[in-house]
PDB file of N, CA and C in Angstrom:
ATOM      1  N   MET A   1      -4.586 -13.484  24.923  1.00  0.00           N
ATOM      2  CA  MET A   1      -3.825 -12.817  25.787  1.00  0.00           C
ATOM      3  C   MET A   1      -3.801 -11.407  25.585  1.00  0.00           C
ATOM      4  N   ARG A   2      -3.762 -11.082  24.382  1.00  0.00           N
ATOM      5  CA  ARG A   2      -3.890  -9.453  24.009  1.00  0.00           C
ATOM      6  C   ARG A   2      -5.155  -9.066  24.576  1.00  0.00           C
ATOM      7  N   THR A   3      -6.302  -9.716  24.340  1.00  0.00           N
ATOM      8  CA  THR A   3      -7.603  -9.197  24.861  1.00  0.00           C
ATOM      9  C   THR A   3      -7.462  -9.112  26.499  1.00  0.00           C
ATOM     10  N   PHE A   4      -6.903 -10.038  27.180  1.00  0.00           N
ATOM     11  CA  PHE A   4      -6.907  -9.760  28.616  1.00  0.00           C
ATOM     12  C   PHE A   4      -5.982  -8.554  28.897  1.00  0.00           C
ATOM     13  N   ILE A   5      -4.901  -8.310  28.287  1.00  0.00           N
ATOM     14  CA  ILE A   5      -4.106  -7.253  28.604  1.00  0.00           C
ATOM     15  C   ILE A   5      -4.819  -5.938  28.291  1.00  0.00           C
ATOM     16  N   ILE A   6      -5.468  -5.899  27.167  1.00  0.00           N
ATOM     17  CA  ILE A   6      -6.147  -4.695  26.886  1.00  0.00           C
ATOM     18  C   ILE A   6      -7.289  -4.482  27.884  1.00  0.00           C
ATOM     19  N   SER A   7      -8.070  -5.473  28.258  1.00  0.00           N
ATOM     20  CA  SER A   7      -8.975  -5.418  29.190  1.00  0.00           C
ATOM     21  C   SER A   7      -8.537  -4.909  30.703  1.00  0.00           C
ATOM     22  N   ALA A   8      -7.427  -5.438  31.012  1.00  0.00           N
ATOM     23  CA  ALA A   8      -6.688  -5.045  32.232  1.00  0.00           C
ATOM     24  C   ALA A   8      -6.290  -3.546  32.256  1.00  0.00           C
ATOM     25  N   VAL A   9      -5.759  -3.092  30.998  1.00  0.00           N
ATOM     26  CA  VAL A   9      -5.328  -1.599  30.931  1.00  0.00           C
ATOM     27  C   VAL A   9      -6.414  -0.820  31.025  1.00  0.00           C
ATOM     28  N   ALA A  10      -7.611  -1.182  30.364  1.00  0.00           N
ATOM     29  CA  ALA A  10      -8.872  -0.364  30.317  1.00  0.00           C
ATOM     30  C   ALA A  10      -9.428  -0.314  31.764  1.00  0.00           C
ATOM     31  N   THR A  11      -9.443  -1.468  32.520  1.00  0.00           N
ATOM     32  CA  THR A  11      -9.863  -1.501  33.791  1.00  0.00           C
ATOM     33  C   THR A  11      -9.076  -0.434  34.792  1.00  0.00           C
ATOM     34  N   CYS A  12      -7.708  -0.566  34.586  1.00  0.00           N
ATOM     35  CA  CYS A  12      -6.924   0.155  35.488  1.00  0.00           C
ATOM     36  C   CYS A  12      -7.089   1.710  35.149  1.00  0.00           C
ATOM     37  N   LEU A  13      -7.316   2.171  33.826  1.00  0.00           N
ATOM     38  CA  LEU A  13      -7.544   3.476  33.448  1.00  0.00           C
ATOM     39  C   LEU A  13      -8.850   3.833  33.982  1.00  0.00           C
ATOM     40  N   LEU A  14      -9.864   2.926  33.924  1.00  0.00           N
ATOM     41  CA  LEU A  14     -11.176   3.246  34.574  1.00  0.00           C
ATOM     42  C   LEU A  14     -11.213   3.541  36.005  1.00  0.00           C
ATOM     43  N   ALA A  15     -10.268   2.770  36.664  1.00  0.00           N
ATOM     44  CA  ALA A  15     -10.243   2.961  38.151  1.00  0.00           C
ATOM     45  C   ALA A  15      -9.574   4.324  38.516  1.00  0.00           C
ATOM     46  N   PHE A  16      -8.591   4.755  37.802  1.00  0.00           N
ATOM     47  CA  PHE A  16      -7.945   5.997  37.997  1.00  0.00           C
ATOM     48  C   PHE A  16      -8.898   7.083  37.630  1.00  0.00           C
ATOM     49  N   ALA A  17      -9.744   6.999  36.713  1.00  0.00           N
ATOM     50  CA  ALA A  17     -10.804   7.869  36.303  1.00  0.00           C
ATOM     51  C   ALA A  17     -11.727   8.181  37.277  1.00  0.00           C
ATOM     52  N   VAL A  18     -12.192   7.270  38.079  1.00  0.00           N
ATOM     53  CA  VAL A  18     -13.116   7.462  38.990  1.00  0.00           C
ATOM     54  C   VAL A  18     -12.681   8.424  40.223  1.00  0.00           C
ATOM     55  N   PRO A  19     -13.380   9.546  40.572  1.00  0.00           N
ATOM     56  CA  PRO A  19     -12.987  10.336  41.641  1.00  0.00           C
ATOM     57  C   PRO A  19     -13.136   9.699  43.019  1.00  0.00           C
ATOM     58  N   ALA A  20     -12.303   9.990  44.025  1.00  0.00           N
ATOM     59  CA  ALA A  20     -12.251   9.444  45.306  1.00  0.00           C
ATOM     60  C   ALA A  20     -13.621   9.548  45.987  1.00  0.00           C
ATOM     61  N   GLN A  21     -14.423  10.645  45.716  1.00  0.00           N
ATOM     62  CA  GLN A  21     -15.697  10.753  46.460  1.00  0.00           C
ATOM     63  C   GLN A  21     -16.629   9.762  45.891  1.00  0.00           C
ATOM     64  N   ALA A  22     -16.408   9.271  44.788  1.00  0.00           N
ATOM     65  CA  ALA A  22     -17.447   8.331  44.221  1.00  0.00           C
ATOM     66  C   ALA A  22     -17.481   6.972  44.865  1.00  0.00           C
ATOM     67  N   HIS A  23     -16.291   6.540  45.631  1.00  0.00           N
ATOM     68  CA  HIS A  23     -16.339   5.469  46.287  1.00  0.00           C
ATOM     69  C   HIS A  23     -16.921   5.484  47.530  1.00  0.00           C
ATOM     70  N   GLY A  24     -18.138   5.135  47.750  1.00  0.00           N
ATOM     71  CA  GLY A  24     -19.029   5.217  48.852  1.00  0.00           C
ATOM     72  C   GLY A  24     -19.711   6.425  49.053  1.00  0.00           C
ATOM     73  N   HIS A  25     -20.033   6.812  50.380  1.00  0.00           N
ATOM     74  CA  HIS A  25     -20.951   8.043  50.525  1.00  0.00           C
ATOM     75  C   HIS A  25     -20.327   9.029  51.092  1.00  0.00           C
ATOM     76  N   ARG A  26     -20.753  10.399  50.774  1.00  0.00           N
ATOM     77  CA  ARG A  26     -20.086  11.487  51.215  1.00  0.00           C
ATOM     78  C   ARG A  26     -21.162  12.087  52.195  1.00  0.00           C
ATOM     79  N   TYR A  27     -20.583  12.280  53.406  1.00  0.00           N
ATOM     80  CA  TYR A  27     -21.575  12.816  54.341  1.00  0.00           C
ATOM     81  C   TYR A  27     -21.423  14.265  54.630  1.00  0.00           C
ATOM     82  N   VAL A  28     -22.721  14.865  54.450  1.00  0.00           N
ATOM     83  CA  VAL A  28     -22.729  16.299  54.841  1.00  0.00           C
ATOM     84  C   VAL A  28     -23.467  16.529  56.176  1.00  0.00           C
ATOM     85  N   HIS A  29     -22.803  17.221  56.930  1.00  0.00           N
ATOM     86  CA  HIS A  29     -23.325  17.306  58.404  1.00  0.00           C
ATOM     87  C   HIS A  29     -24.355  18.486  58.570  1.00  0.00           C
ATOM     88  N   ARG A  30     -25.549  17.996  58.730  1.00  0.00           N
ATOM     89  CA  ARG A  30     -26.680  18.760  59.023  1.00  0.00           C
ATOM     90  C   ARG A  30     -27.221  18.516  60.445  1.00  0.00           C
ATOM     91  N   GLN A  31     -27.284  19.539  61.238  1.00  0.00           N
ATOM     92  CA  GLN A  31     -27.837  19.336  62.533  1.00  0.00           C
ATOM     93  C   GLN A  31     -27.336  18.124  63.364  1.00  0.00           C
ATOM     94  N   TYR A  32     -26.240  17.801  63.346  1.00  0.00           N
ATOM     95  CA  TYR A  32     -25.617  16.578  64.185  1.00  0.00           C
ATOM     96  C   TYR A  32     -25.961  15.219  63.629  1.00  0.00           C
ATOM     97  N   TYR A  33     -26.379  15.167  62.448  1.00  0.00           N
ATOM     98  CA  TYR A  33     -26.681  13.716  61.784  1.00  0.00           C
ATOM     99  C   TYR A  33     -26.172  13.766  60.430  1.00  0.00           C
ATOM    100  N   PRO A  34     -25.443  12.738  59.958  1.00  0.00           N
ATOM    101  CA  PRO A  34     -24.951  12.602  58.542  1.00  0.00           C
ATOM    102  C   PRO A  34     -26.123  12.199  57.486  1.00  0.00           C
ATOM    103  N   ALA A  35     -26.086  12.896  56.615  1.00  0.00           N
ATOM    104  CA  ALA A  35     -27.127  12.667  55.350  1.00  0.00           C
ATOM    105  C   ALA A  35     -26.286  12.203  54.097  1.00  0.00           C
ATOM    106  N   PRO A  36     -26.400  11.011  53.755  1.00  0.00           N
ATOM    107  CA  PRO A  36     -25.600  10.374  52.564  1.00  0.00           C
ATOM    108  C   PRO A  36     -26.179  11.069  51.361  1.00  0.00           C
ATOM    109  N   ILE A  37     -25.010  11.465  50.437  1.00  0.00           N
ATOM    110  CA  ILE A  37     -25.335  12.005  49.186  1.00  0.00           C
ATOM    111  C   ILE A  37     -24.595  11.140  48.109  1.00  0.00           C
ATOM    112  N   TYR A  38     -25.393  10.607  47.087  1.00  0.00           N
ATOM    113  CA  TYR A  38     -24.870   9.658  46.311  1.00  0.00           C
ATOM    114  C   TYR A  38     -24.820  10.260  44.883  1.00  0.00           C
ATOM    115  N   ARG A  39     -23.612  10.427  44.342  1.00  0.00           N
ATOM    116  CA  ARG A  39     -23.484  11.017  43.026  1.00  0.00           C
ATOM    117  C   ARG A  39     -22.691   9.871  42.146  1.00  0.00           C
ATOM    118  N   PRO A  40     -23.298   9.467  41.050  1.00  0.00           N
ATOM    119  CA  PRO A  40     -22.759   8.496  40.030  1.00  0.00           C
ATOM    120  C   PRO A  40     -21.712   9.126  39.265  1.00  0.00           C
ATOM    121  N   TYR A  41     -20.483   9.485  39.806  1.00  0.00           N
ATOM    122  CA  TYR A  41     -19.359  10.010  39.040  1.00  0.00           C
ATOM    123  C   TYR A  41     -18.693   8.851  38.148  1.00  0.00           C
ATOM    124  N   TRP A  42     -19.083   7.529  38.426  1.00  0.00           N
ATOM    125  CA  TRP A  42     -18.282   6.441  37.744  1.00  0.00           C
ATOM    126  C   TRP A  42     -19.048   6.200  36.423  1.00  0.00           C
ATOM    127  N   VAL A  43     -20.246   6.651  36.078  1.00  0.00           N
ATOM    128  CA  VAL A  43     -20.924   6.166  34.960  1.00  0.00           C
ATOM    129  C   VAL A  43     -20.220   6.489  33.656  1.00  0.00           C
ATOM    130  N   ALA A  44     -19.857   7.763  33.477  1.00  0.00           N
ATOM    131  CA  ALA A  44     -19.119   8.254  32.101  1.00  0.00           C
ATOM    132  C   ALA A  44     -17.908   7.404  31.964  1.00  0.00           C
ATOM    133  N   PRO A  45     -16.964   7.366  32.941  1.00  0.00           N
ATOM    134  CA  PRO A  45     -15.799   6.445  32.701  1.00  0.00           C
ATOM    135  C   PRO A  45     -16.086   4.986  32.429  1.00  0.00           C
ATOM    136  N   ALA A  46     -17.026   4.480  33.192  1.00  0.00           N
ATOM    137  CA  ALA A  46     -17.542   3.044  32.705  1.00  0.00           C
ATOM    138  C   ALA A  46     -18.011   2.765  31.340  1.00  0.00           C
ATOM    139  N   VAL A  47     -18.802   3.785  30.937  1.00  0.00           N
ATOM    140  CA  VAL A  47     -19.268   3.690  29.552  1.00  0.00           C
ATOM    141  C   VAL A  47     -18.102   3.746  28.490  1.00  0.00           C
ATOM    142  N   ILE A  48     -17.146   4.737  28.730  1.00  0.00           N
ATOM    143  CA  ILE A  48     -16.051   5.008  27.913  1.00  0.00           C
ATOM    144  C   ILE A  48     -15.106   3.822  27.936  1.00  0.00           C
ATOM    145  N   GLY A  49     -14.724   3.266  29.127  1.00  0.00           N
ATOM    146  CA  GLY A  49     -13.903   2.018  29.272  1.00  0.00           C
ATOM    147  C   GLY A  49     -14.502   0.784  28.618  1.00  0.00           C
ATOM    148  N   GLY A  50     -15.704   0.726  28.749  1.00  0.00           N
ATOM    149  CA  GLY A  50     -16.603  -0.434  28.209  1.00  0.00           C
ATOM    150  C   GLY A  50     -16.521  -0.390  26.815  1.00  0.00           C
ATOM    151  N   THR A  51     -16.693   0.789  26.245  1.00  0.00           N
ATOM    152  CA  THR A  51     -16.560   0.855  24.794  1.00  0.00           C
ATOM    153  C   THR A  51     -15.269   0.552  24.072  1.00  0.00           C
ATOM    154  N   ILE A  52     -14.351   1.060  24.772  1.00  0.00           N
ATOM    155  CA  ILE A  52     -12.929   0.831  24.395  1.00  0.00           C
ATOM    156  C   ILE A  52     -12.600  -0.740  24.487  1.00  0.00           C
ATOM    157  N   ALA A  53     -12.983  -1.217  25.687  1.00  0.00           N
ATOM    158  CA  ALA A  53     -12.658  -2.653  25.779  1.00  0.00           C
ATOM    159  C   ALA A  53     -13.481  -3.416  24.887  1.00  0.00           C
ATOM    160  N   GLY A  54     -14.652  -3.240  24.603  1.00  0.00           N
ATOM    161  CA  GLY A  54     -15.482  -3.797  23.573  1.00  0.00           C
ATOM    162  C   GLY A  54     -14.937  -3.768  22.114  1.00  0.00           C
ATOM    163  N   ALA A  55     -14.547  -2.609  21.820  1.00  0.00           N
ATOM    164  CA  ALA A  55     -13.841  -2.556  20.425  1.00  0.00           C
ATOM    165  C   ALA A  55     -12.768  -3.251  20.411  1.00  0.00           C
ATOM    166  N   ALA A  56     -11.832  -3.360  21.387  1.00  0.00           N
ATOM    167  CA  ALA A  56     -10.591  -4.065  21.233  1.00  0.00           C
ATOM    168  C   ALA A  56     -11.009  -5.691  21.183  1.00  0.00           C
ATOM    169  N   ILE A  57     -12.000  -5.976  22.150  1.00  0.00           N
ATOM    170  CA  ILE A  57     -12.276  -7.624  21.943  1.00  0.00           C
ATOM    171  C   ILE A  57     -12.830  -7.992  20.695  1.00  0.00           C
ATOM    172  N   TYR A  58     -13.730  -7.138  20.122  1.00  0.00           N
ATOM    173  CA  TYR A  58     -14.217  -7.396  18.772  1.00  0.00           C
ATOM    174  C   TYR A  58     -13.220  -7.301  17.787  1.00  0.00           C
ATOM    175  N   HIS A  59     -12.156  -6.398  17.647  1.00  0.00           N
ATOM    176  CA  HIS A  59     -11.165  -6.307  16.738  1.00  0.00           C
ATOM    177  C   HIS A  59     -10.434  -7.648  16.753  1.00  0.00           C
ATOM    178  N   TYR A  60      -9.885  -7.998  17.942  1.00  0.00           N
ATOM    179  CA  TYR A  60      -9.036  -9.282  18.050  1.00  0.00           C
ATOM    180  C   TYR A  60      -9.843 -10.551  17.922  1.00  0.00           C
ATOM    181  N   ALA A  61     -11.182 -10.578  18.278  1.00  0.00           N
ATOM    182  CA  ALA A  61     -11.949 -11.754  17.984  1.00  0.00           C
ATOM    183  C   ALA A  61     -12.296 -11.916  16.508  1.00  0.00           C
ATOM    184  N   ASN A  62     -12.232 -10.843  15.768  1.00  0.00           N
ATOM    185  CA  ASN A  62     -12.756 -11.001  14.186  1.00  0.00           C
ATOM    186  C   ASN A  62     -11.439 -10.310  13.360  1.00  0.00           C
ATOM    187  N   PRO A  63     -10.446 -10.866  13.286  1.00  0.00           N
ATOM    188  CA  PRO A  63      -9.386 -10.292  12.474  1.00  0.00           C
ATOM    189  C   PRO A  63      -9.743 -10.295  11.075  1.00  0.00           C
ATOM    190  N   PRO A  64      -9.315  -9.459  10.319  1.00  0.00           N
ATOM    191  CA  PRO A  64      -9.505  -9.323   8.843  1.00  0.00           C
ATOM    192  C   PRO A  64      -8.794 -10.460   8.250  1.00  0.00           C
ATOM    193  N   VAL A  65      -9.418 -11.109   7.188  1.00  0.00           N
ATOM    194  CA  VAL A  65      -8.792 -12.369   6.604  1.00  0.00           C
ATOM    195  C   VAL A  65      -8.505 -11.793   5.107  1.00  0.00           C
ATOM    196  N   THR A  66      -7.241 -12.276   4.734  1.00  0.00           N
ATOM    197  CA  THR A  66      -6.855 -12.023   3.410  1.00  0.00           C
ATOM    198  C   THR A  66      -6.594 -13.240   2.626  1.00  0.00           C
ATOM    199  N   TYR A  67      -7.249 -13.491   1.473  1.00  0.00           N
ATOM    200  CA  TYR A  67      -7.080 -14.511   0.732  1.00  0.00           C
ATOM    201  C   TYR A  67      -5.962 -14.293  -0.480  1.00  0.00           C
ATOM    202  N   VAL A  68      -5.122 -15.283  -0.630  1.00  0.00           N
ATOM    203  CA  VAL A  68      -4.128 -15.172  -1.561  1.00  0.00           C
ATOM    204  C   VAL A  68      -4.404 -16.255  -2.609  1.00  0.00           C
ATOM    205  N   GLU A  69      -4.617 -15.749  -3.849  1.00  0.00           N
ATOM    206  CA  GLU A  69      -4.857 -16.662  -4.938  1.00  0.00           C
ATOM    207  C   GLU A  69      -3.635 -17.198  -5.629  1.00  0.00           C
ATOM    208  N   THR A  70      -3.550 -18.548  -5.575  1.00  0.00           N
ATOM    209  CA  THR A  70      -2.451 -19.031  -6.231  1.00  0.00           C
ATOM    210  C   THR A  70      -2.631 -19.324  -7.655  1.00  0.00           C
ATOM    211  N   VAL A  71      -1.558 -18.880  -8.469  1.00  0.00           N
ATOM    212  CA  VAL A  71      -1.585 -19.164  -9.830  1.00  0.00           C
ATOM    213  C   VAL A  71      -0.518 -20.087 -10.391  1.00  0.00           C
ATOM    214  N   PRO A  72      -0.726 -21.102 -11.111  1.00  0.00           N
ATOM    215  CA  PRO A  72       0.275 -21.911 -11.525  1.00  0.00           C
ATOM    216  C   PRO A  72       1.317 -21.238 -12.349  1.00  0.00           C
ATOM    217  N   ALA A  73       2.500 -21.357 -12.219  1.00  0.00           N
ATOM    218  CA  ALA A  73       3.655 -20.672 -12.885  1.00  0.00           C
ATOM    219  C   ALA A  73       3.858 -21.298 -14.354  1.00  0.00           C
ATOM    220  N   ASN A  74       3.403 -22.478 -14.602  1.00  0.00           N
ATOM    221  CA  ASN A  74       4.010 -23.084 -15.703  1.00  0.00           C
ATOM    222  C   ASN A  74       2.946 -23.145 -16.853  1.00  0.00           C
ATOM    223  N   ARG A  75       2.215 -22.207 -16.944  1.00  0.00           N
ATOM    224  CA  ARG A  75       1.423 -22.099 -18.229  1.00  0.00           C
ATOM    225  C   ARG A  75       2.050 -21.504 -19.264  1.00  0.00           C
ATOM    226  N   THR A  76       1.716 -22.000 -20.460  1.00  0.00           N
ATOM    227  CA  THR A  76       2.377 -21.559 -21.706  1.00  0.00           C
ATOM    228  C   THR A  76       1.259 -20.946 -22.628  1.00  0.00           C
ATOM    229  N   VAL A  77       1.635 -20.018 -23.341  1.00  0.00           N
ATOM    230  CA  VAL A  77       0.715 -19.258 -24.373  1.00  0.00           C
ATOM    231  C   VAL A  77       0.962 -19.747 -25.691  1.00  0.00           C
ATOM    232  N   VAL A  78       0.047 -20.355 -26.387  1.00  0.00           N
ATOM    233  CA  VAL A  78       0.218 -20.667 -27.831  1.00  0.00           C
ATOM    234  C   VAL A  78      -0.598 -19.776 -28.705  1.00  0.00           C
ATOM    235  N   CYS A  79       0.177 -19.130 -29.600  1.00  0.00           N
ATOM    236  CA  CYS A  79      -0.625 -18.129 -30.534  1.00  0.00           C
ATOM    237  C   CYS A  79      -0.536 -18.612 -31.924  1.00  0.00           C
ATOM    238  N   THR A  80      -1.573 -18.272 -32.578  1.00  0.00           N
ATOM    239  CA  THR A  80      -1.659 -18.666 -34.064  1.00  0.00           C
ATOM    240  C   THR A  80      -0.881 -17.623 -34.798  1.00  0.00           C
ATOM    241  N   GLU A  81      -0.644 -17.698 -36.136  1.00  0.00           N
ATOM    242  CA  GLU A  81       0.054 -16.842 -36.955  1.00  0.00           C
ATOM    243  C   GLU A  81      -0.769 -15.687 -37.134  1.00  0.00           C
ATOM    244  N   TRP A  82      -0.253 -14.445 -37.632  1.00  0.00           N
ATOM    245  CA  TRP A  82      -0.824 -13.317 -37.768  1.00  0.00           C
ATOM    246  C   TRP A  82      -1.605 -13.560 -39.242  1.00  0.00           C
ATOM    247  N   ARG A  83      -2.964 -12.961 -39.287  1.00  0.00           N
ATOM    248  CA  ARG A  83      -3.744 -12.891 -40.343  1.00  0.00           C
ATOM    249  C   ARG A  83      -3.870 -11.425 -40.772  1.00  0.00           C
ATOM    250  N   GLU A  84      -3.807 -11.016 -41.808  1.00  0.00           N
ATOM    251  CA  GLU A  84      -4.213  -9.708 -42.399  1.00  0.00           C
ATOM    252  C   GLU A  84      -5.558  -9.826 -43.127  1.00  0.00           C
ATOM    253  N   THR A  85      -6.394  -8.902 -42.763  1.00  0.00           N
ATOM    254  CA  THR A  85      -7.656  -8.723 -43.383  1.00  0.00           C
ATOM    255  C   THR A  85      -7.971  -7.491 -43.923  1.00  0.00           C
ATOM    256  N   ARG A  86      -8.339  -7.123 -44.986  1.00  0.00           N
ATOM    257  CA  ARG A  86      -8.804  -5.894 -45.746  1.00  0.00           C
ATOM    258  C   ARG A  86     -10.241  -5.548 -45.443  1.00  0.00           C
ATOM    259  N   THR A  87     -10.562  -4.477 -44.873  1.00  0.00           N
ATOM    260  CA  THR A  87     -12.002  -4.072 -44.753  1.00  0.00           C
ATOM    261  C   THR A  87     -12.475  -3.358 -46.049  1.00  0.00           C
ATOM    262  N   GLU A  88     -13.781  -3.015 -46.120  1.00  0.00           N
ATOM    263  CA  GLU A  88     -14.342  -2.416 -47.193  1.00  0.00           C
ATOM    264  C   GLU A  88     -13.971  -1.043 -47.475  1.00  0.00           C
ATOM    265  N   ASP A  89     -13.363  -0.339 -46.530  1.00  0.00           N
ATOM    266  CA  ASP A  89     -13.062   0.969 -46.622  1.00  0.00           C
ATOM    267  C   ASP A  89     -11.453   1.016 -46.839  1.00  0.00           C
ATOM    268  N   GLY A  90     -10.923   0.056 -46.919  1.00  0.00           N
ATOM    269  CA  GLY A  90      -9.350   0.074 -47.397  1.00  0.00           C
ATOM    270  C   GLY A  90      -8.599  -0.181 -46.255  1.00  0.00           C
ATOM    271  N   GLN A  91      -8.782  -0.269 -45.040  1.00  0.00           N
ATOM    272  CA  GLN A  91      -7.792  -0.522 -43.978  1.00  0.00           C
ATOM    273  C   GLN A  91      -7.550  -1.994 -43.838  1.00  0.00           C
ATOM    274  N   ILE A  92      -6.151  -2.274 -43.396  1.00  0.00           N
ATOM    275  CA  ILE A  92      -5.630  -3.506 -43.084  1.00  0.00           C
ATOM    276  C   ILE A  92      -5.615  -3.704 -41.665  1.00  0.00           C
ATOM    277  N   LYS A  93      -6.193  -4.871 -41.304  1.00  0.00           N
ATOM    278  CA  LYS A  93      -6.032  -5.146 -39.792  1.00  0.00           C
ATOM    279  C   LYS A  93      -5.416  -6.487 -39.642  1.00  0.00           C
ATOM    280  N   GLN A  94      -4.602  -6.506 -38.581  1.00  0.00           N
ATOM    281  CA  GLN A  94      -3.889  -7.602 -38.360  1.00  0.00           C
ATOM    282  C   GLN A  94      -4.246  -8.249 -37.005  1.00  0.00           C
ATOM    283  N   GLU A  95      -4.648  -9.598 -36.958  1.00  0.00           N
ATOM    284  CA  GLU A  95      -4.999 -10.415 -35.798  1.00  0.00           C
ATOM    285  C   GLU A  95      -4.494 -11.779 -35.729  1.00  0.00           C
ATOM    286  N   ARG A  96      -4.485 -12.087 -34.590  1.00  0.00           N
ATOM    287  CA  ARG A  96      -4.148 -13.582 -34.224  1.00  0.00           C
ATOM    288  C   ARG A  96      -4.835 -13.975 -32.921  1.00  0.00           C
ATOM    289  N   THR A  97      -4.939 -15.252 -32.639  1.00  0.00           N
ATOM    290  CA  THR A  97      -5.574 -15.899 -31.501  1.00  0.00           C
ATOM    291  C   THR A  97      -4.450 -16.574 -30.556  1.00  0.00           C
ATOM    292  N   CYS A  98      -4.626 -16.154 -29.366  1.00  0.00           N
ATOM    293  CA  CYS A  98      -3.716 -16.838 -28.397  1.00  0.00           C
ATOM    294  C   CYS A  98      -4.488 -17.653 -27.320  1.00  0.00           C
ATOM    295  N   VAL A  99      -3.995 -18.725 -26.940  1.00  0.00           N
ATOM    296  CA  VAL A  99      -4.682 -19.612 -26.069  1.00  0.00           C
ATOM    297  C   VAL A  99      -3.619 -20.002 -24.787  1.00  0.00           C
ATOM    298  N   GLN A 100      -4.109 -19.977 -23.538  1.00  0.00           N
ATOM    299  CA  GLN A 100      -3.214 -20.431 -22.463  1.00  0.00           C
ATOM    300  C   GLN A 100      -3.455 -21.902 -22.322  1.00  0.00           C
ATOM    301  N   GLN A 101      -2.354 -22.773 -22.192  1.00  0.00           N
ATOM    302  CA  GLN A 101      -2.420 -24.087 -22.025  1.00  0.00           C
ATOM    303  C   GLN A 101      -1.846 -24.490 -20.643  1.00  0.00           C
TER     304      GLN A 101
END
């Protein structure tokens, strides 16, 4: 429905953008007979309106998809006791191992 409304609005704006002289032929009188003059004043508004309508249709036809990753809330963390280790240069390091279950 949104695509239809956007296309209808773009068409209405395009119709207003076309000058009145572009609808049909304008006659210039030369020596008692009309000579038709054709000027394509509608080309630029048609290209602009088509670009806008095409972008709107593409945007609504291919909406961005967001995936939400579900994480279970009942995971428990089990850790071992702290271990102290002494390195060769005299430093003491504390470490332990933790695992999610």
